[in-house]
Amino acid sequence: MRSVLACAAFAAQAQAGQFTSEQIDRGHAQFDRTCAQCHGRNMVNSGTTVYDLRRFPLDDRERFFHSVSEGKGNMPSFKDALTREQMELLWCYVGSRGGKEP
């Protein structure tokens, strides 16, 4: 029960855009494992063949989760590969512009 409450608090914090440096760092590590091979190291890519995540709308968190869960275009679904917490960490990293913006 305690971990469920902690996960809910984490999700609420991430949804509000209140990312801690630890969450951003953990999200960056998850991004490196899961996303960097296509979206580029530190989210840096030309944006011509894959989406440039540095431009992802910060007010569209649910679109991010839908894209990660269900896939989009050439991007596969990660709903069976990532937990909700791992997706939340990815959002902390992407939603903070890699720790460069609040």
PDB file of N, CA and C in Angstrom:
ATOM      1  N   MET A   1       0.825  -1.195   0.000  1.00  0.00           N
ATOM      2  CA  MET A   1       0.000   0.000   0.000  1.00  0.00           C
ATOM      3  C   MET A   1       0.867   1.256   0.000  1.00  0.00           C
ATOM      4  N   ARG A   2       1.956   1.229   0.741  1.00  0.00           N
ATOM      5  CA  ARG A   2       2.836   2.383   0.822  1.00  0.00           C
ATOM      6  C   ARG A   2       3.435   2.740  -0.535  1.00  0.00           C
ATOM      7  N   SER A   3       3.849   1.712  -1.314  1.00  0.00           N
ATOM      8  CA  SER A   3       4.439   1.970  -2.629  1.00  0.00           C
ATOM      9  C   SER A   3       3.409   2.515  -3.595  1.00  0.00           C
ATOM     10  N   VAL A   4       2.135   2.106  -3.457  1.00  0.00           N
ATOM     11  CA  VAL A   4       1.070   2.631  -4.307  1.00  0.00           C
ATOM     12  C   VAL A   4       0.880   4.119  -4.030  1.00  0.00           C
ATOM     13  N   LEU A   5       0.877   4.495  -2.757  1.00  0.00           N
ATOM     14  CA  LEU A   5       0.735   5.905  -2.399  1.00  0.00           C
ATOM     15  C   LEU A   5       1.932   6.725  -2.872  1.00  0.00           C
ATOM     16  N   ALA A   6       3.127   6.169  -2.736  1.00  0.00           N
ATOM     17  CA  ALA A   6       4.327   6.868  -3.203  1.00  0.00           C
ATOM     18  C   ALA A   6       4.279   7.055  -4.708  1.00  0.00           C
ATOM     19  N   CYS A   7       3.819   6.036  -5.428  1.00  0.00           N
ATOM     20  CA  CYS A   7       3.720   6.112  -6.886  1.00  0.00           C
ATOM     21  C   CYS A   7       2.676   7.167  -7.290  1.00  0.00           C
ATOM     22  N   ALA A   8       1.565   7.226  -6.569  1.00  0.00           N
ATOM     23  CA  ALA A   8       0.530   8.213  -6.860  1.00  0.00           C
ATOM     24  C   ALA A   8       1.041   9.627  -6.603  1.00  0.00           C
ATOM     25  N   ALA A   9       1.779   9.810  -5.521  1.00  0.00           N
ATOM     26  CA  ALA A   9       2.354  11.124  -5.221  1.00  0.00           C
ATOM     27  C   ALA A   9       3.367  11.521  -6.288  1.00  0.00           C
ATOM     28  N   PHE A  10       4.179  10.571  -6.724  1.00  0.00           N
ATOM     29  CA  PHE A  10       5.157  10.805  -7.777  1.00  0.00           C
ATOM     30  C   PHE A  10       4.455  11.231  -9.060  1.00  0.00           C
ATOM     31  N   ALA A  11       3.384  10.524  -9.427  1.00  0.00           N
ATOM     32  CA  ALA A  11       2.644  10.837 -10.651  1.00  0.00           C
ATOM     33  C   ALA A  11       2.037  12.236 -10.577  1.00  0.00           C
ATOM     34  N   ALA A  12       1.477  12.594  -9.424  1.00  0.00           N
ATOM     35  CA  ALA A  12       0.884  13.926  -9.270  1.00  0.00           C
ATOM     36  C   ALA A  12       1.945  15.009  -9.387  1.00  0.00           C
ATOM     37  N   GLN A  13       3.089  14.768  -8.800  1.00  0.00           N
ATOM     38  CA  GLN A  13       4.188  15.723  -8.863  1.00  0.00           C
ATOM     39  C   GLN A  13       4.674  15.883 -10.307  1.00  0.00           C
ATOM     40  N   ALA A  14       4.846  14.768 -11.010  1.00  0.00           N
ATOM     41  CA  ALA A  14       5.313  14.811 -12.397  1.00  0.00           C
ATOM     42  C   ALA A  14       4.273  15.474 -13.294  1.00  0.00           C
ATOM     43  N   GLN A  15       2.989  15.209 -13.029  1.00  0.00           N
ATOM     44  CA  GLN A  15       1.938  15.808 -13.844  1.00  0.00           C
ATOM     45  C   GLN A  15       1.924  17.325 -13.672  1.00  0.00           C
ATOM     46  N   ALA A  16       2.211  17.786 -12.479  1.00  0.00           N
ATOM     47  CA  ALA A  16       2.216  19.218 -12.218  1.00  0.00           C
ATOM     48  C   ALA A  16       3.475  19.899 -12.752  1.00  0.00           C
ATOM     49  N   GLY A  17       4.410  19.120 -13.288  1.00  0.00           N
ATOM     50  CA  GLY A  17       5.638  19.698 -13.820  1.00  0.00           C
ATOM     51  C   GLY A  17       6.636  20.070 -12.751  1.00  0.00           C
ATOM     52  N   GLN A  18       6.502  19.475 -11.583  1.00  0.00           N
ATOM     53  CA  GLN A  18       7.411  19.745 -10.467  1.00  0.00           C
ATOM     54  C   GLN A  18       8.415  18.606 -10.380  1.00  0.00           C
ATOM     55  N   PHE A  19       9.461  18.699 -11.144  1.00  0.00           N
ATOM     56  CA  PHE A  19      10.429  17.626 -11.241  1.00  0.00           C
ATOM     57  C   PHE A  19      11.604  17.891 -10.306  1.00  0.00           C
ATOM     58  N   THR A  20      12.035  16.860  -9.590  1.00  0.00           N
ATOM     59  CA  THR A  20      13.227  16.992  -8.772  1.00  0.00           C
ATOM     60  C   THR A  20      14.440  16.623  -9.622  1.00  0.00           C
ATOM     61  N   SER A  21      15.606  17.039  -9.200  1.00  0.00           N
ATOM     62  CA  SER A  21      16.818  16.690  -9.947  1.00  0.00           C
ATOM     63  C   SER A  21      17.021  15.180  -9.957  1.00  0.00           C
ATOM     64  N   GLU A  22      16.636  14.494  -8.888  1.00  0.00           N
ATOM     65  CA  GLU A  22      16.744  13.029  -8.864  1.00  0.00           C
ATOM     66  C   GLU A  22      15.832  12.395  -9.913  1.00  0.00           C
ATOM     67  N   GLN A  23      14.599  12.886 -10.020  1.00  0.00           N
ATOM     68  CA  GLN A  23      13.671  12.357 -11.025  1.00  0.00           C
ATOM     69  C   GLN A  23      14.198  12.604 -12.431  1.00  0.00           C
ATOM     70  N   ILE A  24      14.722  13.790 -12.667  1.00  0.00           N
ATOM     71  CA  ILE A  24      15.262  14.113 -13.993  1.00  0.00           C
ATOM     72  C   ILE A  24      16.451  13.216 -14.304  1.00  0.00           C
ATOM     73  N   ASP A  25      17.335  13.011 -13.338  1.00  0.00           N
ATOM     74  CA  ASP A  25      18.494  12.134 -13.544  1.00  0.00           C
ATOM     75  C   ASP A  25      18.063  10.698 -13.811  1.00  0.00           C
ATOM     76  N   ARG A  26      17.096  10.218 -13.044  1.00  0.00           N
ATOM     77  CA  ARG A  26      16.600   8.851 -13.264  1.00  0.00           C
ATOM     78  C   ARG A  26      15.898   8.749 -14.612  1.00  0.00           C
ATOM     79  N   GLY A  27      15.167   9.796 -14.976  1.00  0.00           N
ATOM     80  CA  GLY A  27      14.512   9.829 -16.285  1.00  0.00           C
ATOM     81  C   GLY A  27      15.522   9.841 -17.421  1.00  0.00           C
ATOM     82  N   HIS A  28      16.615  10.572 -17.222  1.00  0.00           N
ATOM     83  CA  HIS A  28      17.681  10.616 -18.227  1.00  0.00           C
ATOM     84  C   HIS A  28      18.290   9.230 -18.399  1.00  0.00           C
ATOM     85  N   ALA A  29      18.532   8.548 -17.307  1.00  0.00           N
ATOM     86  CA  ALA A  29      19.090   7.189 -17.382  1.00  0.00           C
ATOM     87  C   ALA A  29      18.121   6.253 -18.103  1.00  0.00           C
ATOM     88  N   GLN A  30      16.823   6.380 -17.816  1.00  0.00           N
ATOM     89  CA  GLN A  30      15.827   5.557 -18.502  1.00  0.00           C
ATOM     90  C   GLN A  30      15.777   5.909 -19.984  1.00  0.00           C
ATOM     91  N   PHE A  31      15.849   7.191 -20.289  1.00  0.00           N
ATOM     92  CA  PHE A  31      15.857   7.648 -21.689  1.00  0.00           C
ATOM     93  C   PHE A  31      17.049   7.036 -22.428  1.00  0.00           C
ATOM     94  N   ASP A  32      18.216   7.053 -21.794  1.00  0.00           N
ATOM     95  CA  ASP A  32      19.413   6.477 -22.423  1.00  0.00           C
ATOM     96  C   ASP A  32      19.217   4.997 -22.737  1.00  0.00           C
ATOM     97  N   ARG A  33      18.533   4.276 -21.843  1.00  0.00           N
ATOM     98  CA  ARG A  33      18.305   2.842 -22.050  1.00  0.00           C
ATOM     99  C   ARG A  33      17.229   2.568 -23.095  1.00  0.00           C
ATOM    100  N   THR A  34      16.225   3.420 -23.154  1.00  0.00           N
ATOM    101  CA  THR A  34      15.032   3.112 -23.929  1.00  0.00           C
ATOM    102  C   THR A  34      14.881   3.918 -25.214  1.00  0.00           C
ATOM    103  N   CYS A  35      15.265   5.176 -25.207  1.00  0.00           N
ATOM    104  CA  CYS A  35      14.863   6.096 -26.265  1.00  0.00           C
ATOM    105  C   CYS A  35      15.997   6.699 -27.086  1.00  0.00           C
ATOM    106  N   ALA A  36      17.182   6.788 -26.497  1.00  0.00           N
ATOM    107  CA  ALA A  36      18.275   7.540 -27.125  1.00  0.00           C
ATOM    108  C   ALA A  36      18.687   6.992 -28.483  1.00  0.00           C
ATOM    109  N   GLN A  37      18.562   5.691 -28.681  1.00  0.00           N
ATOM    110  CA  GLN A  37      19.005   5.138 -29.955  1.00  0.00           C
ATOM    111  C   GLN A  37      18.211   5.702 -31.124  1.00  0.00           C
ATOM    112  N   CYS A  38      16.978   6.109 -30.895  1.00  0.00           N
ATOM    113  CA  CYS A  38      16.186   6.721 -31.971  1.00  0.00           C
ATOM    114  C   CYS A  38      16.074   8.240 -31.816  1.00  0.00           C
ATOM    115  N   HIS A  39      15.837   8.707 -30.595  1.00  0.00           N
ATOM    116  CA  HIS A  39      15.591  10.134 -30.363  1.00  0.00           C
ATOM    117  C   HIS A  39      16.856  10.925 -30.088  1.00  0.00           C
ATOM    118  N   GLY A  40      18.007  10.259 -30.043  1.00  0.00           N
ATOM    119  CA  GLY A  40      19.275  10.945 -29.897  1.00  0.00           C
ATOM    120  C   GLY A  40      19.722  11.124 -28.462  1.00  0.00           C
ATOM    121  N   ARG A  41      21.020  11.120 -28.295  1.00  0.00           N
ATOM    122  CA  ARG A  41      21.605  11.356 -26.979  1.00  0.00           C
ATOM    123  C   ARG A  41      21.218  12.751 -26.514  1.00  0.00           C
ATOM    124  N   ASN A  42      20.761  12.846 -25.286  1.00  0.00           N
ATOM    125  CA  ASN A  42      20.294  14.122 -24.718  1.00  0.00           C
ATOM    126  C   ASN A  42      19.162  14.740 -25.527  1.00  0.00           C
ATOM    127  N   MET A  43      18.386  13.903 -26.207  1.00  0.00           N
ATOM    128  CA  MET A  43      17.248  14.306 -27.045  1.00  0.00           C
ATOM    129  C   MET A  43      17.676  15.111 -28.264  1.00  0.00           C
ATOM    130  N   VAL A  44      18.939  15.111 -28.620  1.00  0.00           N
ATOM    131  CA  VAL A  44      19.416  15.907 -29.750  1.00  0.00           C
ATOM    132  C   VAL A  44      19.364  15.064 -31.014  1.00  0.00           C
ATOM    133  N   ASN A  45      18.545  15.493 -31.950  1.00  0.00           N
ATOM    134  CA  ASN A  45      18.475  14.898 -33.277  1.00  0.00           C
ATOM    135  C   ASN A  45      17.961  15.949 -34.242  1.00  0.00           C
ATOM    136  N   SER A  46      18.017  15.645 -35.492  1.00  0.00           N
ATOM    137  CA  SER A  46      17.632  16.638 -36.500  1.00  0.00           C
ATOM    138  C   SER A  46      16.126  16.840 -36.592  1.00  0.00           C
ATOM    139  N   GLY A  47      15.351  15.898 -36.074  1.00  0.00           N
ATOM    140  CA  GLY A  47      13.906  16.018 -36.144  1.00  0.00           C
ATOM    141  C   GLY A  47      13.345  15.702 -37.511  1.00  0.00           C
ATOM    142  N   THR A  48      14.178  15.196 -38.414  1.00  0.00           N
ATOM    143  CA  THR A  48      13.687  14.898 -39.761  1.00  0.00           C
ATOM    144  C   THR A  48      13.142  13.484 -39.895  1.00  0.00           C
ATOM    145  N   THR A  49      13.712  12.516 -39.179  1.00  0.00           N
ATOM    146  CA  THR A  49      13.225  11.139 -39.281  1.00  0.00           C
ATOM    147  C   THR A  49      12.513  10.680 -38.013  1.00  0.00           C
ATOM    148  N   VAL A  50      12.839  11.260 -36.878  1.00  0.00           N
ATOM    149  CA  VAL A  50      12.138  10.970 -35.626  1.00  0.00           C
ATOM    150  C   VAL A  50      11.778  12.290 -34.959  1.00  0.00           C
ATOM    151  N   TYR A  51      10.793  12.233 -34.099  1.00  0.00           N
ATOM    152  CA  TYR A  51      10.309  13.443 -33.438  1.00  0.00           C
ATOM    153  C   TYR A  51      11.388  14.029 -32.526  1.00  0.00           C
ATOM    154  N   ASP A  52      11.562  15.324 -32.596  1.00  0.00           N
ATOM    155  CA  ASP A  52      12.493  16.044 -31.730  1.00  0.00           C
ATOM    156  C   ASP A  52      11.787  16.300 -30.401  1.00  0.00           C
ATOM    157  N   LEU A  53      12.107  15.497 -29.398  1.00  0.00           N
ATOM    158  CA  LEU A  53      11.421  15.571 -28.106  1.00  0.00           C
ATOM    159  C   LEU A  53      11.673  16.870 -27.358  1.00  0.00           C
ATOM    160  N   ARG A  54      12.675  17.623 -27.754  1.00  0.00           N
ATOM    161  CA  ARG A  54      12.904  18.921 -27.112  1.00  0.00           C
ATOM    162  C   ARG A  54      11.783  19.896 -27.452  1.00  0.00           C
ATOM    163  N   ARG A  55      10.982  19.559 -28.435  1.00  0.00           N
ATOM    164  CA  ARG A  55       9.862  20.419 -28.851  1.00  0.00           C
ATOM    165  C   ARG A  55       8.508  19.859 -28.435  1.00  0.00           C
ATOM    166  N   PHE A  56       8.521  18.801 -27.633  1.00  0.00           N
ATOM    167  CA  PHE A  56       7.255  18.198 -27.227  1.00  0.00           C
ATOM    168  C   PHE A  56       6.464  19.202 -26.398  1.00  0.00           C
ATOM    169  N   PRO A  57       5.170  19.369 -26.691  1.00  0.00           N
ATOM    170  CA  PRO A  57       4.364  20.339 -25.932  1.00  0.00           C
ATOM    171  C   PRO A  57       4.284  19.966 -24.452  1.00  0.00           C
ATOM    172  N   LEU A  58       4.725  20.843 -23.602  1.00  0.00           N
ATOM    173  CA  LEU A  58       4.771  20.570 -22.173  1.00  0.00           C
ATOM    174  C   LEU A  58       3.385  20.485 -21.542  1.00  0.00           C
ATOM    175  N   ASP A  59       2.387  20.997 -22.230  1.00  0.00           N
ATOM    176  CA  ASP A  59       1.027  20.942 -21.695  1.00  0.00           C
ATOM    177  C   ASP A  59       0.258  19.734 -22.242  1.00  0.00           C
ATOM    178  N   ASP A  60       0.949  18.800 -22.866  1.00  0.00           N
ATOM    179  CA  ASP A  60       0.284  17.634 -23.454  1.00  0.00           C
ATOM    180  C   ASP A  60       0.863  16.329 -22.915  1.00  0.00           C
ATOM    181  N   ARG A  61       0.912  16.224 -21.611  1.00  0.00           N
ATOM    182  CA  ARG A  61       1.464  15.054 -20.931  1.00  0.00           C
ATOM    183  C   ARG A  61       0.764  13.766 -21.349  1.00  0.00           C
ATOM    184  N   GLU A  62      -0.561  13.809 -21.465  1.00  0.00           N
ATOM    185  CA  GLU A  62      -1.304  12.600 -21.823  1.00  0.00           C
ATOM    186  C   GLU A  62      -0.958  12.124 -23.230  1.00  0.00           C
ATOM    187  N   ARG A  63      -0.682  13.041 -24.143  1.00  0.00           N
ATOM    188  CA  ARG A  63      -0.240  12.652 -25.491  1.00  0.00           C
ATOM    189  C   ARG A  63       1.091  11.904 -25.418  1.00  0.00           C
ATOM    190  N   PHE A  64       1.986  12.371 -24.555  1.00  0.00           N
ATOM    191  CA  PHE A  64       3.268  11.701 -24.359  1.00  0.00           C
ATOM    192  C   PHE A  64       3.044  10.260 -23.905  1.00  0.00           C
ATOM    193  N   PHE A  65       2.220  10.076 -22.871  1.00  0.00           N
ATOM    194  CA  PHE A  65       1.974   8.743 -22.346  1.00  0.00           C
ATOM    195  C   PHE A  65       1.283   7.852 -23.379  1.00  0.00           C
ATOM    196  N   HIS A  66       0.365   8.403 -24.127  1.00  0.00           N
ATOM    197  CA  HIS A  66      -0.306   7.630 -25.172  1.00  0.00           C
ATOM    198  C   HIS A  66       0.697   7.188 -26.237  1.00  0.00           C
ATOM    199  N   SER A  67       1.558   8.088 -26.662  1.00  0.00           N
ATOM    200  CA  SER A  67       2.554   7.748 -27.684  1.00  0.00           C
ATOM    201  C   SER A  67       3.512   6.669 -27.191  1.00  0.00           C
ATOM    202  N   VAL A  68       3.971   6.796 -25.947  1.00  0.00           N
ATOM    203  CA  VAL A  68       4.893   5.797 -25.389  1.00  0.00           C
ATOM    204  C   VAL A  68       4.176   4.458 -25.225  1.00  0.00           C
ATOM    205  N   SER A  69       2.963   4.489 -24.722  1.00  0.00           N
ATOM    206  CA  SER A  69       2.222   3.256 -24.468  1.00  0.00           C
ATOM    207  C   SER A  69       1.786   2.557 -25.749  1.00  0.00           C
ATOM    208  N   GLU A  70       1.242   3.322 -26.677  1.00  0.00           N
ATOM    209  CA  GLU A  70       0.640   2.725 -27.868  1.00  0.00           C
ATOM    210  C   GLU A  70       1.538   2.761 -29.098  1.00  0.00           C
ATOM    211  N   GLY A  71       2.579   3.583 -29.060  1.00  0.00           N
ATOM    212  CA  GLY A  71       3.418   3.759 -30.237  1.00  0.00           C
ATOM    213  C   GLY A  71       2.798   4.800 -31.160  1.00  0.00           C
ATOM    214  N   LYS A  72       3.610   5.282 -32.094  1.00  0.00           N
ATOM    215  CA  LYS A  72       3.101   6.273 -33.045  1.00  0.00           C
ATOM    216  C   LYS A  72       4.022   6.269 -34.253  1.00  0.00           C
ATOM    217  N   GLY A  73       3.449   6.176 -35.434  1.00  0.00           N
ATOM    218  CA  GLY A  73       4.263   6.117 -36.645  1.00  0.00           C
ATOM    219  C   GLY A  73       5.190   4.912 -36.595  1.00  0.00           C
ATOM    220  N   ASN A  74       6.489   5.161 -36.751  1.00  0.00           N
ATOM    221  CA  ASN A  74       7.472   4.076 -36.696  1.00  0.00           C
ATOM    222  C   ASN A  74       7.870   3.687 -35.275  1.00  0.00           C
ATOM    223  N   MET A  75       7.405   4.450 -34.287  1.00  0.00           N
ATOM    224  CA  MET A  75       7.755   4.146 -32.899  1.00  0.00           C
ATOM    225  C   MET A  75       6.876   3.007 -32.381  1.00  0.00           C
ATOM    226  N   PRO A  76       7.506   1.968 -31.820  1.00  0.00           N
ATOM    227  CA  PRO A  76       6.710   0.850 -31.300  1.00  0.00           C
ATOM    228  C   PRO A  76       6.052   1.189 -29.964  1.00  0.00           C
ATOM    229  N   SER A  77       5.101   0.367 -29.596  1.00  0.00           N
ATOM    230  CA  SER A  77       4.456   0.463 -28.288  1.00  0.00           C
ATOM    231  C   SER A  77       5.425  -0.018 -27.212  1.00  0.00           C
ATOM    232  N   PHE A  78       5.441   0.688 -26.095  1.00  0.00           N
ATOM    233  CA  PHE A  78       6.263   0.291 -24.954  1.00  0.00           C
ATOM    234  C   PHE A  78       5.413  -0.125 -23.759  1.00  0.00           C
ATOM    235  N   LYS A  79       4.099  -0.341 -23.976  1.00  0.00           N
ATOM    236  CA  LYS A  79       3.217  -0.644 -22.839  1.00  0.00           C
ATOM    237  C   LYS A  79       3.569  -1.947 -22.143  1.00  0.00           C
ATOM    238  N   ASP A  80       4.158  -2.896 -22.856  1.00  0.00           N
ATOM    239  CA  ASP A  80       4.552  -4.153 -22.228  1.00  0.00           C
ATOM    240  C   ASP A  80       6.023  -4.153 -21.814  1.00  0.00           C
ATOM    241  N   ALA A  81       6.758  -3.119 -22.182  1.00  0.00           N
ATOM    242  CA  ALA A  81       8.196  -3.062 -21.893  1.00  0.00           C
ATOM    243  C   ALA A  81       8.539  -2.124 -20.737  1.00  0.00           C
ATOM    244  N   LEU A  82       7.683  -1.126 -20.487  1.00  0.00           N
ATOM    245  CA  LEU A  82       7.964  -0.136 -19.447  1.00  0.00           C
ATOM    246  C   LEU A  82       6.838  -0.107 -18.424  1.00  0.00           C
ATOM    247  N   THR A  83       7.198   0.096 -17.173  1.00  0.00           N
ATOM    248  CA  THR A  83       6.191   0.286 -16.129  1.00  0.00           C
ATOM    249  C   THR A  83       5.696   1.729 -16.190  1.00  0.00           C
ATOM    250  N   ARG A  84       4.618   1.983 -15.498  1.00  0.00           N
ATOM    251  CA  ARG A  84       4.094   3.355 -15.425  1.00  0.00           C
ATOM    252  C   ARG A  84       5.139   4.277 -14.786  1.00  0.00           C
ATOM    253  N   GLU A  85       5.843   3.778 -13.767  1.00  0.00           N
ATOM    254  CA  GLU A  85       6.869   4.592 -13.117  1.00  0.00           C
ATOM    255  C   GLU A  85       7.995   4.937 -14.095  1.00  0.00           C
ATOM    256  N   GLN A  86       8.407   3.991 -14.920  1.00  0.00           N
ATOM    257  CA  GLN A  86       9.448   4.269 -15.910  1.00  0.00           C
ATOM    258  C   GLN A  86       8.973   5.321 -16.912  1.00  0.00           C
ATOM    259  N   MET A  87       7.698   5.243 -17.303  1.00  0.00           N
ATOM    260  CA  MET A  87       7.146   6.256 -18.209  1.00  0.00           C
ATOM    261  C   MET A  87       7.091   7.619 -17.533  1.00  0.00           C
ATOM    262  N   GLU A  88       6.738   7.625 -16.240  1.00  0.00           N
ATOM    263  CA  GLU A  88       6.722   8.887 -15.474  1.00  0.00           C
ATOM    264  C   GLU A  88       8.121   9.500 -15.437  1.00  0.00           C
ATOM    265  N   LEU A  89       9.134   8.655 -15.233  1.00  0.00           N
ATOM    266  CA  LEU A  89      10.513   9.156 -15.217  1.00  0.00           C
ATOM    267  C   LEU A  89      10.899   9.722 -16.575  1.00  0.00           C
ATOM    268  N   LEU A  90      10.495   9.059 -17.635  1.00  0.00           N
ATOM    269  CA  LEU A  90      10.765   9.594 -18.977  1.00  0.00           C
ATOM    270  C   LEU A  90      10.115  10.963 -19.138  1.00  0.00           C
ATOM    271  N   TRP A  91       8.878  11.099 -18.631  1.00  0.00           N
ATOM    272  CA  TRP A  91       8.205  12.390 -18.723  1.00  0.00           C
ATOM    273  C   TRP A  91       8.952  13.454 -17.913  1.00  0.00           C
ATOM    274  N   CYS A  92       9.483  13.076 -16.751  1.00  0.00           N
ATOM    275  CA  CYS A  92      10.266  14.030 -15.953  1.00  0.00           C
ATOM    276  C   CYS A  92      11.443  14.558 -16.774  1.00  0.00           C
ATOM    277  N   TYR A  93      12.094  13.672 -17.497  1.00  0.00           N
ATOM    278  CA  TYR A  93      13.245  14.080 -18.307  1.00  0.00           C
ATOM    279  C   TYR A  93      12.800  14.904 -19.515  1.00  0.00           C
ATOM    280  N   VAL A  94      11.845  14.388 -20.273  1.00  0.00           N
ATOM    281  CA  VAL A  94      11.385  15.103 -21.472  1.00  0.00           C
ATOM    282  C   VAL A  94      10.675  16.399 -21.084  1.00  0.00           C
ATOM    283  N   GLY A  95       9.810  16.321 -20.066  1.00  0.00           N
ATOM    284  CA  GLY A  95       9.031  17.493 -19.643  1.00  0.00           C
ATOM    285  C   GLY A  95       9.872  18.596 -19.026  1.00  0.00           C
ATOM    286  N   SER A  96      11.078  18.270 -18.598  1.00  0.00           N
ATOM    287  CA  SER A  96      11.972  19.293 -18.043  1.00  0.00           C
ATOM    288  C   SER A  96      12.967  19.777 -19.096  1.00  0.00           C
ATOM    289  N   ARG A  97      12.765  19.301 -20.332  1.00  0.00           N
ATOM    290  CA  ARG A  97      13.696  19.611 -21.427  1.00  0.00           C
ATOM    291  C   ARG A  97      15.109  19.161 -21.057  1.00  0.00           C
ATOM    292  N   GLY A  98      15.182  17.979 -20.452  1.00  0.00           N
ATOM    293  CA  GLY A  98      16.466  17.430 -20.061  1.00  0.00           C
ATOM    294  C   GLY A  98      17.091  18.146 -18.884  1.00  0.00           C
ATOM    295  N   GLY A  99      16.228  18.734 -18.026  1.00  0.00           N
ATOM    296  CA  GLY A  99      16.720  19.434 -16.855  1.00  0.00           C
ATOM    297  C   GLY A  99      17.085  20.886 -17.133  1.00  0.00           C
ATOM    298  N   LYS A 100      16.784  21.353 -18.330  1.00  0.00           N
ATOM    299  CA  LYS A 100      17.149  22.731 -18.700  1.00  0.00           C
ATOM    300  C   LYS A 100      16.047  23.741 -18.432  1.00  0.00           C
ATOM    301  N   GLU A 101      14.822  23.236 -18.221  1.00  0.00           N
ATOM    302  CA  GLU A 101      13.697  24.115 -17.945  1.00  0.00           C
ATOM    303  C   GLU A 101      12.896  23.537 -16.777  1.00  0.00           C
ATOM    304  N   PRO A 102      12.184  24.352 -16.040  1.00  0.00           N
ATOM    305  CA  PRO A 102      11.360  23.833 -14.920  1.00  0.00           C
ATOM    306  C   PRO A 102      10.199  22.994 -15.417  1.00  0.00           C
TER     307      PRO A 102
END
